């Protein structure tokens, strides 16, 4: 009788446990034994005309396009906050494919972060972006699988189950 109850409990409880997403930070995507990355950015002293220079400048080169990934994350259902860099927008104006990055402006205004700090995300429903500087939570199954886009290389991929605005706790 106890075994039957335990088996029934596991059958009912297992889907609930499986549905929970493991919350990650960006440092969780870097293997513990990986060398630290110091961005190679030249400081700007004269900011006049910076907007024009950024618009006409060639795309910034990614420093570490083949940075090591954390293989243990493969297949895990995770939740990660970040900023969306659109790659594909549907006819309805929803971003359905994008790069998730740890800071605003990555891949657009500054050099892309290392590939292990970029997640290539696809979503059937997509997300309507009103502001690029709004961070989002992305939930889904993580794949440790490299991908390339015109903006940057990514060490991770994900099919998003949920996309919702990140709000600071009060």
C-alpha atoms as a PDB file:
ATOM      1  CA  UNK A   1       0.000   0.000   0.000  1.00  0.00           C
ATOM      2  CA  UNK A   2       2.829   2.421   0.887  1.00  0.00           C
ATOM      3  CA  UNK A   3       4.576   1.700  -2.405  1.00  0.00           C
ATOM      4  CA  UNK A   4       1.389   2.335  -4.362  1.00  0.00           C
ATOM      5  CA  UNK A   5       0.883   5.653  -2.530  1.00  0.00           C
ATOM      6  CA  UNK A   6       4.519   6.662  -3.133  1.00  0.00           C
ATOM      7  CA  UNK A   7       4.259   5.791  -6.831  1.00  0.00           C
ATOM      8  CA  UNK A   8       1.003   7.735  -7.139  1.00  0.00           C
ATOM      9  CA  UNK A   9       2.571  10.721  -5.348  1.00  0.00           C
ATOM     10  CA  UNK A  10       5.534  10.708  -7.745  1.00  0.00           C
ATOM     11  CA  UNK A  11       3.265  10.504 -10.793  1.00  0.00           C
ATOM     12  CA  UNK A  12       1.258  13.497  -9.616  1.00  0.00           C
ATOM     13  CA  UNK A  13       4.171  15.566  -8.265  1.00  0.00           C
ATOM     14  CA  UNK A  14       6.728  14.935 -11.030  1.00  0.00           C
ATOM     15  CA  UNK A  15       5.026  17.184 -13.625  1.00  0.00           C
ATOM     16  CA  UNK A  16       4.879  19.989 -11.043  1.00  0.00           C
ATOM     17  CA  UNK A  17       8.618  19.655 -10.312  1.00  0.00           C
ATOM     18  CA  UNK A  18       9.434  19.432 -14.014  1.00  0.00           C
ATOM     19  CA  UNK A  19       7.485  22.621 -14.729  1.00  0.00           C
ATOM     20  CA  UNK A  20       9.635  24.678 -12.366  1.00  0.00           C
ATOM     21  CA  UNK A  21      12.304  26.654 -14.147  1.00  0.00           C
ATOM     22  CA  UNK A  22      15.780  26.898 -12.706  1.00  0.00           C
ATOM     23  CA  UNK A  23      16.584  30.588 -12.343  1.00  0.00           C
ATOM     24  CA  UNK A  24      20.013  31.422 -13.740  1.00  0.00           C
ATOM     25  CA  UNK A  25      22.276  34.439 -13.712  1.00  0.00           C
ATOM     26  CA  UNK A  26      24.616  35.258 -16.565  1.00  0.00           C
ATOM     27  CA  UNK A  27      27.631  34.044 -14.575  1.00  0.00           C
ATOM     28  CA  UNK A  28      25.983  30.579 -14.470  1.00  0.00           C
ATOM     29  CA  UNK A  29      26.579  30.377 -18.248  1.00  0.00           C
ATOM     30  CA  UNK A  30      30.358  30.583 -17.825  1.00  0.00           C
ATOM     31  CA  UNK A  31      32.248  27.416 -16.848  1.00  0.00           C
ATOM     32  CA  UNK A  32      33.977  27.837 -13.455  1.00  0.00           C
ATOM     33  CA  UNK A  33      37.383  27.053 -14.977  1.00  0.00           C
ATOM     34  CA  UNK A  34      37.030  29.534 -17.878  1.00  0.00           C
ATOM     35  CA  UNK A  35      39.459  32.424 -18.102  1.00  0.00           C
ATOM     36  CA  UNK A  36      37.901  35.804 -17.237  1.00  0.00           C
ATOM     37  CA  UNK A  37      37.159  38.048 -20.196  1.00  0.00           C
ATOM     38  CA  UNK A  38      38.187  41.679 -20.126  1.00  0.00           C
ATOM     39  CA  UNK A  39      36.419  43.641 -22.879  1.00  0.00           C
ATOM     40  CA  UNK A  40      38.733  45.409 -25.302  1.00  0.00           C
ATOM     41  CA  UNK A  41      36.993  48.769 -25.437  1.00  0.00           C
ATOM     42  CA  UNK A  42      38.687  52.046 -26.223  1.00  0.00           C
ATOM     43  CA  UNK A  43      37.379  54.872 -24.026  1.00  0.00           C
ATOM     44  CA  UNK A  44      35.666  57.766 -25.763  1.00  0.00           C
ATOM     45  CA  UNK A  45      36.817  61.192 -24.628  1.00  0.00           C
ATOM     46  CA  UNK A  46      35.021  63.316 -27.200  1.00  0.00           C
ATOM     47  CA  UNK A  47      31.340  62.344 -27.165  1.00  0.00           C
ATOM     48  CA  UNK A  48      30.217  64.941 -29.714  1.00  0.00           C
ATOM     49  CA  UNK A  49      29.078  63.251 -32.870  1.00  0.00           C
ATOM     50  CA  UNK A  50      29.048  59.828 -31.195  1.00  0.00           C
ATOM     51  CA  UNK A  51      25.569  58.959 -32.494  1.00  0.00           C
ATOM     52  CA  UNK A  52      26.625  59.650 -36.096  1.00  0.00           C
ATOM     53  CA  UNK A  53      29.815  57.637 -35.622  1.00  0.00           C
ATOM     54  CA  UNK A  54      27.885  54.661 -34.214  1.00  0.00           C
ATOM     55  CA  UNK A  55      25.385  54.680 -37.065  1.00  0.00           C
ATOM     56  CA  UNK A  56      28.047  54.781 -39.783  1.00  0.00           C
ATOM     57  CA  UNK A  57      30.610  52.517 -38.109  1.00  0.00           C
ATOM     58  CA  UNK A  58      30.975  48.889 -39.157  1.00  0.00           C
ATOM     59  CA  UNK A  59      29.564  46.276 -36.778  1.00  0.00           C
ATOM     60  CA  UNK A  60      31.739  45.768 -33.714  1.00  0.00           C
ATOM     61  CA  UNK A  61      33.752  42.550 -33.698  1.00  0.00           C
ATOM     62  CA  UNK A  62      32.920  39.898 -31.124  1.00  0.00           C
ATOM     63  CA  UNK A  63      35.924  39.250 -28.853  1.00  0.00           C
ATOM     64  CA  UNK A  64      35.255  35.574 -28.029  1.00  0.00           C
ATOM     65  CA  UNK A  65      32.942  33.970 -30.618  1.00  0.00           C
ATOM     66  CA  UNK A  66      33.779  30.459 -29.359  1.00  0.00           C
ATOM     67  CA  UNK A  67      33.786  30.911 -25.573  1.00  0.00           C
ATOM     68  CA  UNK A  68      33.298  27.694 -23.558  1.00  0.00           C
ATOM     69  CA  UNK A  69      29.751  26.768 -22.491  1.00  0.00           C
ATOM     70  CA  UNK A  70      28.401  24.931 -19.440  1.00  0.00           C
ATOM     71  CA  UNK A  71      27.430  21.553 -20.901  1.00  0.00           C
ATOM     72  CA  UNK A  72      25.437  20.590 -17.777  1.00  0.00           C
ATOM     73  CA  UNK A  73      22.803  23.208 -18.732  1.00  0.00           C
ATOM     74  CA  UNK A  74      21.800  21.231 -21.835  1.00  0.00           C
ATOM     75  CA  UNK A  75      18.172  20.124 -21.594  1.00  0.00           C
ATOM     76  CA  UNK A  76      17.427  22.065 -18.392  1.00  0.00           C
ATOM     77  CA  UNK A  77      14.301  24.193 -18.170  1.00  0.00           C
ATOM     78  CA  UNK A  78      15.636  27.600 -17.150  1.00  0.00           C
ATOM     79  CA  UNK A  79      14.601  31.191 -16.507  1.00  0.00           C
ATOM     80  CA  UNK A  80      17.066  33.956 -17.416  1.00  0.00           C
ATOM     81  CA  UNK A  81      16.688  37.748 -17.429  1.00  0.00           C
ATOM     82  CA  UNK A  82      18.205  39.862 -20.168  1.00  0.00           C
ATOM     83  CA  UNK A  83      17.806  42.274 -23.038  1.00  0.00           C
ATOM     84  CA  UNK A  84      16.366  41.377 -26.426  1.00  0.00           C
ATOM     85  CA  UNK A  85      18.252  42.073 -29.650  1.00  0.00           C
ATOM     86  CA  UNK A  86      15.712  41.369 -32.443  1.00  0.00           C
ATOM     87  CA  UNK A  87      16.696  39.154 -35.362  1.00  0.00           C
ATOM     88  CA  UNK A  88      13.288  38.411 -36.881  1.00  0.00           C
ATOM     89  CA  UNK A  89       9.940  40.213 -36.576  1.00  0.00           C
ATOM     90  CA  UNK A  90       6.603  38.730 -37.686  1.00  0.00           C
ATOM     91  CA  UNK A  91       4.069  40.511 -39.896  1.00  0.00           C
ATOM     92  CA  UNK A  92       2.147  41.233 -36.677  1.00  0.00           C
ATOM     93  CA  UNK A  93       5.151  43.189 -35.379  1.00  0.00           C
ATOM     94  CA  UNK A  94       6.173  40.584 -32.794  1.00  0.00           C
ATOM     95  CA  UNK A  95       9.823  39.635 -32.328  1.00  0.00           C
ATOM     96  CA  UNK A  96       9.943  35.868 -32.905  1.00  0.00           C
ATOM     97  CA  UNK A  97      13.706  35.326 -33.057  1.00  0.00           C
ATOM     98  CA  UNK A  98      16.268  37.239 -31.034  1.00  0.00           C
ATOM     99  CA  UNK A  99      19.503  37.220 -29.100  1.00  0.00           C
ATOM    100  CA  UNK A 100      19.184  37.454 -25.331  1.00  0.00           C
ATOM    101  CA  UNK A 101      22.106  39.396 -23.874  1.00  0.00           C
ATOM    102  CA  UNK A 102      23.117  40.479 -20.354  1.00  0.00           C
ATOM    103  CA  UNK A 103      23.215  44.246 -20.898  1.00  0.00           C
ATOM    104  CA  UNK A 104      21.484  46.884 -22.991  1.00  0.00           C
ATOM    105  CA  UNK A 105      23.146  47.746 -26.288  1.00  0.00           C
ATOM    106  CA  UNK A 106      25.101  44.506 -26.653  1.00  0.00           C
ATOM    107  CA  UNK A 107      25.544  43.539 -30.326  1.00  0.00           C
ATOM    108  CA  UNK A 108      24.212  46.922 -31.483  1.00  0.00           C
ATOM    109  CA  UNK A 109      26.105  49.828 -29.900  1.00  0.00           C
ATOM    110  CA  UNK A 110      29.030  47.998 -28.303  1.00  0.00           C
ATOM    111  CA  UNK A 111      30.985  44.854 -29.191  1.00  0.00           C
ATOM    112  CA  UNK A 112      28.984  41.661 -28.620  1.00  0.00           C
ATOM    113  CA  UNK A 113      29.767  39.799 -25.397  1.00  0.00           C
ATOM    114  CA  UNK A 114      31.491  36.396 -25.523  1.00  0.00           C
ATOM    115  CA  UNK A 115      29.341  33.690 -27.100  1.00  0.00           C
ATOM    116  CA  UNK A 116      28.701  32.092 -23.686  1.00  0.00           C
ATOM    117  CA  UNK A 117      26.919  35.315 -22.710  1.00  0.00           C
ATOM    118  CA  UNK A 118      24.439  35.146 -25.599  1.00  0.00           C
ATOM    119  CA  UNK A 119      21.360  32.925 -25.976  1.00  0.00           C
ATOM    120  CA  UNK A 120      19.753  32.580 -29.414  1.00  0.00           C
ATOM    121  CA  UNK A 121      15.996  32.431 -28.707  1.00  0.00           C
ATOM    122  CA  UNK A 122      13.062  31.473 -30.920  1.00  0.00           C
ATOM    123  CA  UNK A 123       9.412  31.916 -29.992  1.00  0.00           C
ATOM    124  CA  UNK A 124       6.291  30.914 -31.893  1.00  0.00           C
ATOM    125  CA  UNK A 125       4.207  33.676 -30.335  1.00  0.00           C
ATOM    126  CA  UNK A 126       7.002  36.218 -30.025  1.00  0.00           C
ATOM    127  CA  UNK A 127       7.002  39.406 -28.007  1.00  0.00           C
ATOM    128  CA  UNK A 128       5.869  42.912 -28.895  1.00  0.00           C
ATOM    129  CA  UNK A 129       8.819  45.179 -28.091  1.00  0.00           C
ATOM    130  CA  UNK A 130       7.946  48.722 -27.155  1.00  0.00           C
ATOM    131  CA  UNK A 131      11.404  49.642 -25.849  1.00  0.00           C
ATOM    132  CA  UNK A 132      14.742  47.905 -26.459  1.00  0.00           C
ATOM    133  CA  UNK A 133      16.020  48.976 -23.037  1.00  0.00           C
ATOM    134  CA  UNK A 134      13.296  46.971 -21.239  1.00  0.00           C
ATOM    135  CA  UNK A 135      14.702  43.726 -19.735  1.00  0.00           C
ATOM    136  CA  UNK A 136      12.685  40.497 -19.975  1.00  0.00           C
ATOM    137  CA  UNK A 137      12.546  37.102 -18.323  1.00  0.00           C
ATOM    138  CA  UNK A 138      12.814  34.251 -20.807  1.00  0.00           C
ATOM    139  CA  UNK A 139      11.810  30.711 -19.836  1.00  0.00           C
ATOM    140  CA  UNK A 140      12.368  27.536 -21.808  1.00  0.00           C
ATOM    141  CA  UNK A 141      14.564  24.533 -22.357  1.00  0.00           C
ATOM    142  CA  UNK A 142      18.222  25.465 -22.728  1.00  0.00           C
ATOM    143  CA  UNK A 143      20.286  23.824 -25.447  1.00  0.00           C
ATOM    144  CA  UNK A 144      24.053  23.989 -25.380  1.00  0.00           C
ATOM    145  CA  UNK A 145      24.323  24.372 -29.120  1.00  0.00           C
ATOM    146  CA  UNK A 146      26.250  27.094 -30.972  1.00  0.00           C
ATOM    147  CA  UNK A 147      24.556  29.325 -33.514  1.00  0.00           C
ATOM    148  CA  UNK A 148      25.585  32.269 -35.656  1.00  0.00           C
ATOM    149  CA  UNK A 149      23.704  35.346 -36.764  1.00  0.00           C
ATOM    150  CA  UNK A 150      24.777  38.490 -38.579  1.00  0.00           C
ATOM    151  CA  UNK A 151      25.220  40.200 -35.198  1.00  0.00           C
ATOM    152  CA  UNK A 152      27.060  37.597 -33.096  1.00  0.00           C
ATOM    153  CA  UNK A 153      27.752  33.959 -32.293  1.00  0.00           C
ATOM    154  CA  UNK A 154      25.891  32.341 -29.396  1.00  0.00           C
ATOM    155  CA  UNK A 155      26.857  29.276 -27.332  1.00  0.00           C
ATOM    156  CA  UNK A 156      23.269  28.580 -26.270  1.00  0.00           C
ATOM    157  CA  UNK A 157      19.856  28.230 -27.903  1.00  0.00           C
ATOM    158  CA  UNK A 158      16.354  28.172 -26.460  1.00  0.00           C
ATOM    159  CA  UNK A 159      12.758  27.812 -27.603  1.00  0.00           C
ATOM    160  CA  UNK A 160      10.921  30.252 -25.333  1.00  0.00           C
ATOM    161  CA  UNK A 161       7.898  28.930 -23.436  1.00  0.00           C
ATOM    162  CA  UNK A 162       7.353  32.260 -21.671  1.00  0.00           C
ATOM    163  CA  UNK A 163       8.534  35.843 -22.246  1.00  0.00           C
ATOM    164  CA  UNK A 164       7.570  38.517 -19.757  1.00  0.00           C
ATOM    165  CA  UNK A 165       8.866  41.850 -18.497  1.00  0.00           C
ATOM    166  CA  UNK A 166      11.521  41.879 -15.816  1.00  0.00           C
ATOM    167  CA  UNK A 167      10.542  44.027 -12.883  1.00  0.00           C
ATOM    168  CA  UNK A 168      12.682  44.782  -9.879  1.00  0.00           C
ATOM    169  CA  UNK A 169      11.275  43.458  -6.609  1.00  0.00           C
ATOM    170  CA  UNK A 170       9.735  46.161  -4.461  1.00  0.00           C
END
